[in-house]
Protein backbone atom coordinates (compact mmCIF):
# COMPACT_ATOMS: atom_id res chain seq x y z
CA UNK A 1 0.01 0.00 0.00
CA UNK A 2 1.29 3.46 -0.92
CA UNK A 3 0.81 5.05 2.46
CA UNK A 4 2.83 2.28 4.12
CA UNK A 5 5.60 2.74 1.55
CA UNK A 6 5.60 6.48 2.18
CA UNK A 7 5.95 5.91 5.93
CA UNK A 8 8.83 3.50 5.32
CA UNK A 9 10.61 5.74 2.82
CA UNK A 10 10.08 8.98 4.75
CA UNK A 11 10.19 8.12 8.45
CA UNK A 12 11.10 11.63 9.64
CA UNK A 13 8.35 13.22 7.61
CA UNK A 14 5.84 10.70 8.96
CA UNK A 15 7.02 11.19 12.53
CA UNK A 16 6.73 14.96 12.20
CA UNK A 17 3.21 14.67 10.83
CA UNK A 18 2.21 12.40 13.70
CA UNK A 19 3.65 14.76 16.32
CA UNK A 20 1.86 17.73 14.74
CA UNK A 21 -1.38 15.77 14.94
CA UNK A 22 -0.75 14.97 18.63
CA UNK A 23 -0.07 18.64 19.42
CA UNK A 24 -3.11 19.81 17.46
CA UNK A 25 -5.51 17.31 19.05
CA UNK A 26 -4.11 18.02 22.53
CA UNK A 27 -4.69 21.72 22.05
CA UNK A 28 -8.34 21.17 21.06
CA UNK A 29 -8.92 18.64 23.86
CA UNK A 30 -7.43 20.99 26.45
CA UNK A 31 -9.68 23.84 25.31
CA UNK A 32 -12.68 21.61 26.05
CA UNK A 33 -11.49 21.20 29.63
CA UNK A 34 -10.38 17.55 29.23
CA UNK A 35 -7.24 16.88 31.28
CA UNK A 36 -7.01 13.06 31.44
CA UNK A 37 -5.80 13.42 35.01
CA UNK A 38 -2.91 15.16 36.79
CA UNK A 39 0.77 14.88 35.90
CA UNK A 40 2.94 16.61 38.45
CA UNK A 41 1.86 20.25 38.58
CA UNK A 42 0.14 20.01 35.20
CA UNK A 43 -2.13 17.58 33.40
CA UNK A 44 -1.63 14.53 31.23
CA UNK A 45 -2.83 16.47 28.15
CA UNK A 46 -0.32 19.28 28.64
CA UNK A 47 2.47 16.79 29.32
CA UNK A 48 1.73 14.89 26.10
CA UNK A 49 1.58 18.17 24.17
CA UNK A 50 4.88 19.36 25.59
CA UNK A 51 6.61 16.07 24.82
CA UNK A 52 5.28 16.03 21.26
CA UNK A 53 6.40 19.63 20.68
CA UNK A 54 9.84 18.88 22.12
CA UNK A 55 10.27 15.82 19.88
CA UNK A 56 9.10 17.88 16.90
CA UNK A 57 11.74 20.44 17.71
CA UNK A 58 14.41 17.72 17.81
CA UNK A 59 13.33 16.50 14.39
CA UNK A 60 13.44 20.01 12.98
CA UNK A 61 17.23 20.30 12.75
CA UNK A 62 18.83 23.43 11.44
CA UNK A 63 19.25 23.16 7.64
CA UNK A 64 22.89 24.10 8.01
CA UNK A 65 23.52 20.89 9.93
CA UNK A 66 22.22 18.65 7.18
CA UNK A 67 24.38 16.92 4.66
CA UNK A 68 24.28 14.90 1.48
CA UNK A 69 21.46 16.84 -0.14
CA UNK A 70 18.94 16.59 2.78
CA UNK A 71 18.52 20.35 3.21
CA UNK A 72 15.09 20.36 1.59
CA UNK A 73 13.69 17.75 3.96
CA UNK A 74 15.16 19.43 7.05
CA UNK A 75 13.80 22.81 5.93
CA UNK A 76 10.30 21.34 5.66
CA UNK A 77 10.60 19.88 9.15
CA UNK A 78 11.71 23.27 10.43
CA UNK A 79 8.69 24.90 8.83
CA UNK A 80 6.40 22.32 10.38
CA UNK A 81 7.84 23.18 13.77
CA UNK A 82 6.59 26.72 13.26
CA UNK A 83 3.04 25.38 13.35
CA UNK A 84 3.49 24.73 17.08
CA UNK A 85 4.23 28.44 17.61
CA UNK A 86 0.67 29.36 16.59
CA UNK A 87 -1.18 26.67 18.51
CA UNK A 88 -2.95 27.98 21.63
CA UNK A 89 -1.44 25.49 24.06
CA UNK A 90 -1.94 25.97 27.81
CA UNK A 91 1.62 25.00 28.75
CA UNK A 92 3.19 27.89 26.77
CA UNK A 93 4.55 30.28 29.39
CA UNK A 94 7.75 31.76 30.75
CA UNK A 95 10.35 32.25 28.06
CA UNK A 96 7.78 31.37 25.40
CA UNK A 97 6.08 34.71 26.14
CA UNK A 98 9.09 36.48 24.68
CA UNK A 99 9.02 34.25 21.62
CA UNK A 100 5.30 34.91 21.13
CA UNK A 101 5.78 38.64 21.70
CA UNK A 102 8.47 38.70 18.98
CA UNK A 103 6.21 36.72 16.68
CA UNK A 104 3.41 39.26 17.19
CA UNK A 105 5.80 42.15 16.49
CA UNK A 106 6.97 40.34 13.34
CA UNK A 107 3.36 40.37 12.09
CA UNK A 108 2.84 44.13 12.66
CA UNK A 109 4.53 45.30 9.39
CA UNK A 110 2.17 42.99 7.50
CA UNK A 111 -0.73 44.48 9.48
CA UNK A 112 0.33 48.06 8.66
CA UNK A 113 0.80 47.14 4.99
CA UNK A 114 -2.62 45.51 4.77
CA UNK A 115 -4.29 48.51 6.36
CA UNK A 116 -2.46 50.79 3.92
CA UNK A 117 -3.89 48.71 1.08
CA UNK A 118 -7.34 49.21 2.55
CA UNK A 119 -6.78 52.96 2.68
CA UNK A 120 -5.92 53.09 -1.01
CA UNK A 121 -8.54 50.59 -2.12
CA UNK A 122 -11.40 53.10 -2.12
CA UNK A 123 -10.01 54.78 -5.25
CA UNK A 124 -10.33 51.51 -7.16
CA UNK A 125 -13.98 50.94 -6.33
CA UNK A 126 -17.02 52.23 -8.18
CA UNK A 127 -17.83 55.81 -7.01
CA UNK A 128 -21.12 54.69 -5.46
CA UNK A 129 -19.37 51.91 -3.47
CA UNK A 130 -16.39 53.87 -2.12
CA UNK A 131 -18.35 55.59 0.72
CA UNK A 132 -19.69 52.26 1.99
CA UNK A 133 -16.20 50.75 1.99
CA UNK A 134 -14.68 53.82 3.68
CA UNK A 135 -17.30 53.71 6.46
CA UNK A 136 -16.80 49.97 6.95
CA UNK A 137 -13.01 50.29 7.40
CA UNK A 138 -12.85 53.69 9.11
CA UNK A 139 -11.45 52.36 12.37
CA UNK A 140 -8.68 50.19 10.91
CA UNK A 141 -5.90 52.80 11.07
CA UNK A 142 -6.28 53.77 14.71
CA UNK A 143 -6.84 50.19 15.88
CA UNK A 144 -3.84 48.78 13.97
CA UNK A 145 -1.55 51.59 15.15
CA UNK A 146 -2.51 50.88 18.76
CA UNK A 147 -2.04 47.14 18.21
CA UNK A 148 1.45 47.75 16.84
CA UNK A 149 2.40 49.97 19.76
CA UNK A 150 1.11 47.44 22.31
CA UNK A 151 2.95 44.58 20.60
CA UNK A 152 6.22 46.46 20.83
CA UNK A 153 5.55 47.35 24.47
CA UNK A 154 4.82 43.70 25.26
CA UNK A 155 8.09 42.61 23.64
CA UNK A 156 9.98 45.02 25.90
CA UNK A 157 7.96 44.12 28.97
CA UNK A 158 5.74 41.02 28.68
CA UNK A 159 3.69 41.96 31.72
CA UNK A 160 0.14 40.97 32.58
CA UNK A 161 -1.03 44.57 32.25
CA UNK A 162 0.23 44.98 28.69
CA UNK A 163 -1.08 41.53 27.77
CA UNK A 164 -4.54 42.52 29.00
CA UNK A 165 -4.47 45.57 26.74
CA UNK A 166 -3.39 43.40 23.80
CA UNK A 167 -6.20 40.95 24.53
CA UNK A 168 -8.73 43.78 24.39
CA UNK A 169 -7.24 45.41 21.31
CA UNK A 170 -6.95 42.25 19.18
CA UNK A 171 -10.64 41.56 19.79
CA UNK A 172 -11.46 45.15 18.78
CA UNK A 173 -9.56 44.60 15.51
CA UNK A 174 -11.17 41.20 14.93
CA UNK A 175 -14.60 42.68 15.38
CA UNK A 176 -13.83 45.59 13.06
CA UNK A 177 -12.73 43.13 10.37
CA UNK A 178 -15.79 40.94 10.78
CA UNK A 179 -18.10 43.98 10.71
CA UNK A 180 -16.35 45.32 7.61
CA UNK A 181 -16.76 41.99 5.83
CA UNK A 182 -20.48 41.95 6.51
CA UNK A 183 -20.84 45.55 5.28
CA UNK A 184 -18.69 44.97 2.19
CA UNK A 185 -20.90 42.01 1.32
CA UNK A 186 -23.69 44.50 0.67
CA UNK A 187 -21.78 46.14 -2.17
CA UNK A 188 -23.72 45.40 -5.33
CA UNK A 189 -21.02 45.93 -7.94
CA UNK A 190 -19.27 42.54 -8.15
CA UNK A 191 -15.83 43.92 -9.05
CA UNK A 192 -15.98 46.43 -6.20
CA UNK A 193 -17.17 43.80 -3.76
CA UNK A 194 -14.44 41.36 -4.72
CA UNK A 195 -11.71 43.97 -4.31
CA UNK A 196 -13.15 45.25 -1.04
CA UNK A 197 -13.41 41.72 0.38
CA UNK A 198 -9.84 40.84 -0.60
CA UNK A 199 -8.29 43.93 1.02
CA UNK A 200 -10.33 43.49 4.19
CA UNK A 201 -9.34 39.82 4.40
CA UNK A 202 -5.65 40.71 4.13
CA UNK A 203 -6.08 42.62 7.38
CA UNK A 204 -8.21 39.81 8.79
CA UNK A 205 -5.61 37.13 8.11
CA UNK A 206 -2.97 39.03 10.04
CA UNK A 207 -5.42 39.76 12.84
CA UNK A 208 -6.33 36.08 13.05
CA UNK A 209 -2.66 35.08 13.28
CA UNK A 210 -2.04 37.62 16.06
CA UNK A 211 -5.20 36.52 17.85
CA UNK A 212 -3.94 32.90 17.84
CA UNK A 213 -0.61 34.03 19.28
CA UNK A 214 -2.34 36.08 21.98
CA UNK A 215 -4.46 33.04 22.85
CA UNK A 216 -1.32 30.96 23.30
CA UNK A 217 -0.13 33.15 26.23
CA UNK A 218 -3.55 33.84 27.72
CA UNK A 219 -5.29 31.95 30.49
CA UNK A 220 -8.47 30.03 29.82
CA UNK A 221 -10.54 32.60 31.65
CA UNK A 222 -8.94 35.43 29.68
CA UNK A 223 -9.71 33.70 26.40
CA UNK A 224 -13.30 33.17 27.51
CA UNK A 225 -13.59 36.86 28.32
CA UNK A 226 -12.10 37.79 24.93
CA UNK A 227 -14.54 35.49 23.16
CA UNK A 228 -17.45 37.00 25.11
CA UNK A 229 -16.59 40.41 23.61
CA UNK A 230 -16.40 38.86 20.14
CA UNK A 231 -20.05 39.37 19.19
CA UNK A 232 -19.67 38.73 15.45
CA UNK A 233 -18.38 35.16 15.24
CA UNK A 234 -16.14 33.56 12.63
CA UNK A 235 -19.05 31.40 11.49
CA UNK A 236 -20.96 34.53 10.42
CA UNK A 237 -18.24 35.63 7.98
CA UNK A 238 -16.81 32.23 7.01
CA UNK A 239 -18.62 32.17 3.67
CA UNK A 240 -16.99 35.45 2.66
CA UNK A 241 -13.42 34.31 3.35
CA UNK A 242 -10.92 33.28 0.69
CA UNK A 243 -8.82 30.49 2.17
CA UNK A 244 -6.37 30.57 -0.73
CA UNK A 245 -5.55 34.22 0.01
CA UNK A 246 -5.08 33.52 3.71
CA UNK A 247 -2.80 30.55 3.00
CA UNK A 248 -0.70 32.61 0.60
CA UNK A 249 -0.24 35.37 3.19
CA UNK A 250 0.82 32.95 5.95
CA UNK A 251 3.13 30.97 3.62
CA UNK A 252 4.79 34.21 2.52
CA UNK A 253 5.21 35.49 6.04
CA UNK A 254 6.85 32.34 7.40
CA UNK A 255 8.60 31.35 4.16
CA UNK A 256 7.00 27.92 4.31
CA UNK A 257 5.40 25.57 1.75
CA UNK A 258 1.75 26.19 0.88
CA UNK A 259 0.56 22.79 2.24
CA UNK A 260 2.09 23.65 5.62
CA UNK A 261 0.48 27.09 5.61
CA UNK A 262 -2.87 25.54 4.69
CA UNK A 263 -2.64 23.22 7.71
CA UNK A 264 -1.63 26.17 9.86
CA UNK A 265 -4.58 28.33 8.73
CA UNK A 266 -7.04 25.48 9.22
CA UNK A 267 -5.76 24.79 12.74
CA UNK A 268 -5.96 28.45 13.74
CA UNK A 269 -9.49 28.82 12.34
CA UNK A 270 -10.64 25.68 14.17
CA UNK A 271 -9.00 26.76 17.40
CA UNK A 272 -10.54 30.24 17.34
CA UNK A 273 -13.99 28.87 16.47
CA UNK A 274 -13.82 26.36 19.34
CA UNK A 275 -12.72 29.12 21.70
CA UNK A 276 -15.87 31.02 20.85
CA UNK A 277 -14.56 33.67 18.45
């Protein structure tokens, strides 16, 4: 059977895929409050997740250490390891806060660029549609600027106070994006609507990535509070989203293969939906 041959011929790839699945499932299970019992000061679920992530990291050797033409395979494993950075796992704390803070800051140029595209998109729409689009996206600039400032402040000082502000602000941005998508859907001109949707989703993709990162360093109660303020849910705008565009943005940002980015986007969407966003 082909799948057995693939496992035999590509053991590291298969092992990495299995570990990613373990981490993904553990993250979802933990969000549902399932612990499977205690393990030291944590739970069995968090212990399994941590072990799987650690083993994934060991598999993802630096490409420079590879030899005999194996750079491509090791690079893919390294990219797969990046998936773990976006998963909202409860055991991520301590030094991981700095890593997450840096990851958030790394997304802010993409956020600013996407918002700039929104600002200039009105000129490309039909004259009758431009006012609707402008009203729908009016708050993007101020909200994204504040998000960028908070991300940089959190990187310098990853304190609970700054994190609380980031938690509030990322939900504000998420709600602005979802509201804008619903309003842009009312644009009658198909060309205008398509362009409006695409530019808004560029912002939304970055916001979703940052939201996932914020979740990963937030307590369960904090995530529940964030979700409670998310009145327009992902399910309400899902039909307007272009997954191909989101995957392309994530793949470009992390410099990873499209299949990996597709898995990453799907995991983040599932995680945020299960959390109540």
